[in-house]
């Protein structure tokens, strides 16, 4: 549910599409896996996101969740209707 909120707070359309794709992927894999366990869907080798032991899929999913966090960091603050401030590193020269 938090990912959907991140999508609504996104600054641009690309962030919304990225978050919608990640949420859709997680929902589709969860739906397929639960359906396989209840014997109402065909058996495939899809792991349950963040639970099953599919390490390649886990790494890809963690990478995608990192992209969702990047969309959250660069969000629009709806309370003040302005862009959230970015972290700046001042060089000590």
Protein backbone atom coordinates (compact mmCIF):
# COMPACT_ATOMS: atom_id res chain seq x y z
CA UNK A 1 0.00 0.00 0.00
CA UNK A 2 2.90 2.33 0.69
CA UNK A 3 4.15 1.96 -2.89
CA UNK A 4 0.82 3.25 -4.20
CA UNK A 5 1.16 6.34 -2.00
CA UNK A 6 4.69 6.84 -3.33
CA UNK A 7 3.27 6.76 -6.85
CA UNK A 8 0.74 9.46 -6.02
CA UNK A 9 3.44 11.68 -4.53
CA UNK A 10 5.72 11.27 -7.54
CA UNK A 11 7.07 14.38 -9.21
CA UNK A 12 6.57 13.24 -12.80
CA UNK A 13 4.87 10.64 -14.97
CA UNK A 14 7.97 8.45 -15.25
CA UNK A 15 8.06 7.96 -11.47
CA UNK A 16 4.38 7.04 -11.43
CA UNK A 17 4.82 4.52 -14.23
CA UNK A 18 7.87 3.00 -12.53
CA UNK A 19 6.04 2.57 -9.22
CA UNK A 20 2.94 1.22 -10.97
CA UNK A 21 5.09 -1.35 -12.77
CA UNK A 22 6.76 -2.51 -9.55
CA UNK A 23 3.41 -2.76 -7.75
CA UNK A 24 1.89 -4.61 -10.70
CA UNK A 25 4.80 -7.04 -10.82
CA UNK A 26 4.58 -7.79 -7.11
CA UNK A 27 0.79 -8.20 -7.27
CA UNK A 28 0.93 -10.46 -10.32
CA UNK A 29 3.59 -12.72 -8.81
CA UNK A 30 1.76 -12.91 -5.48
CA UNK A 31 -1.57 -13.64 -7.17
CA UNK A 32 -0.03 -16.33 -9.38
CA UNK A 33 1.81 -17.99 -6.48
CA UNK A 34 -1.22 -18.05 -4.18
CA UNK A 35 -3.34 -19.35 -7.06
CA UNK A 36 -0.85 -22.17 -7.66
CA UNK A 37 -0.94 -23.15 -3.99
CA UNK A 38 -4.75 -23.24 -4.03
CA UNK A 39 -4.67 -25.31 -7.27
CA UNK A 40 -6.78 -22.79 -9.20
CA UNK A 41 -3.92 -21.61 -11.46
CA UNK A 42 -1.43 -23.61 -13.53
CA UNK A 43 1.77 -24.60 -11.75
CA UNK A 44 4.75 -22.45 -12.79
CA UNK A 45 8.06 -21.65 -11.16
CA UNK A 46 7.21 -18.13 -9.97
CA UNK A 47 8.49 -17.38 -6.44
CA UNK A 48 6.44 -15.50 -3.87
CA UNK A 49 7.93 -11.98 -3.66
CA UNK A 50 10.26 -11.44 -0.67
CA UNK A 51 9.34 -14.86 0.80
CA UNK A 52 10.27 -17.75 -1.51
CA UNK A 53 13.81 -18.83 -2.19
CA UNK A 54 14.32 -17.38 -5.68
CA UNK A 55 17.55 -15.47 -5.17
CA UNK A 56 17.77 -13.92 -8.64
CA UNK A 57 14.20 -12.67 -8.39
CA UNK A 58 14.91 -11.41 -4.85
CA UNK A 59 17.88 -9.35 -6.06
CA UNK A 60 15.83 -7.91 -8.93
CA UNK A 61 12.94 -7.12 -6.58
CA UNK A 62 15.23 -5.39 -4.08
CA UNK A 63 16.69 -3.34 -6.95
CA UNK A 64 13.17 -2.34 -8.01
CA UNK A 65 12.28 -1.41 -4.43
CA UNK A 66 15.38 0.80 -4.41
CA UNK A 67 14.03 2.57 -7.50
CA UNK A 68 10.73 3.10 -5.68
CA UNK A 69 12.64 4.64 -2.78
CA UNK A 70 14.39 6.95 -5.24
CA UNK A 71 10.99 8.11 -6.49
CA UNK A 72 10.03 8.77 -2.85
CA UNK A 73 13.18 10.82 -2.19
CA UNK A 74 12.46 13.04 -5.21
CA UNK A 75 8.76 13.48 -4.47
CA UNK A 76 6.48 16.51 -4.48
CA UNK A 77 5.40 17.63 -1.03
CA UNK A 78 1.60 17.84 -1.36
CA UNK A 79 1.13 19.66 1.93
CA UNK A 80 3.11 22.67 0.78
CA UNK A 81 2.68 22.07 -2.99
CA UNK A 82 6.37 22.38 -3.66
CA UNK A 83 9.23 20.09 -4.51
CA UNK A 84 10.82 18.39 -1.51
CA UNK A 85 14.33 19.72 -0.83
CA UNK A 86 17.22 17.60 -1.99
CA UNK A 87 20.13 16.69 0.20
CA UNK A 88 23.17 18.75 -0.65
CA UNK A 89 26.77 18.07 0.17
CA UNK A 90 28.89 21.16 0.51
CA UNK A 91 32.50 20.67 -0.40
CA UNK A 92 34.96 21.88 2.20
CA UNK A 93 37.64 23.39 -0.02
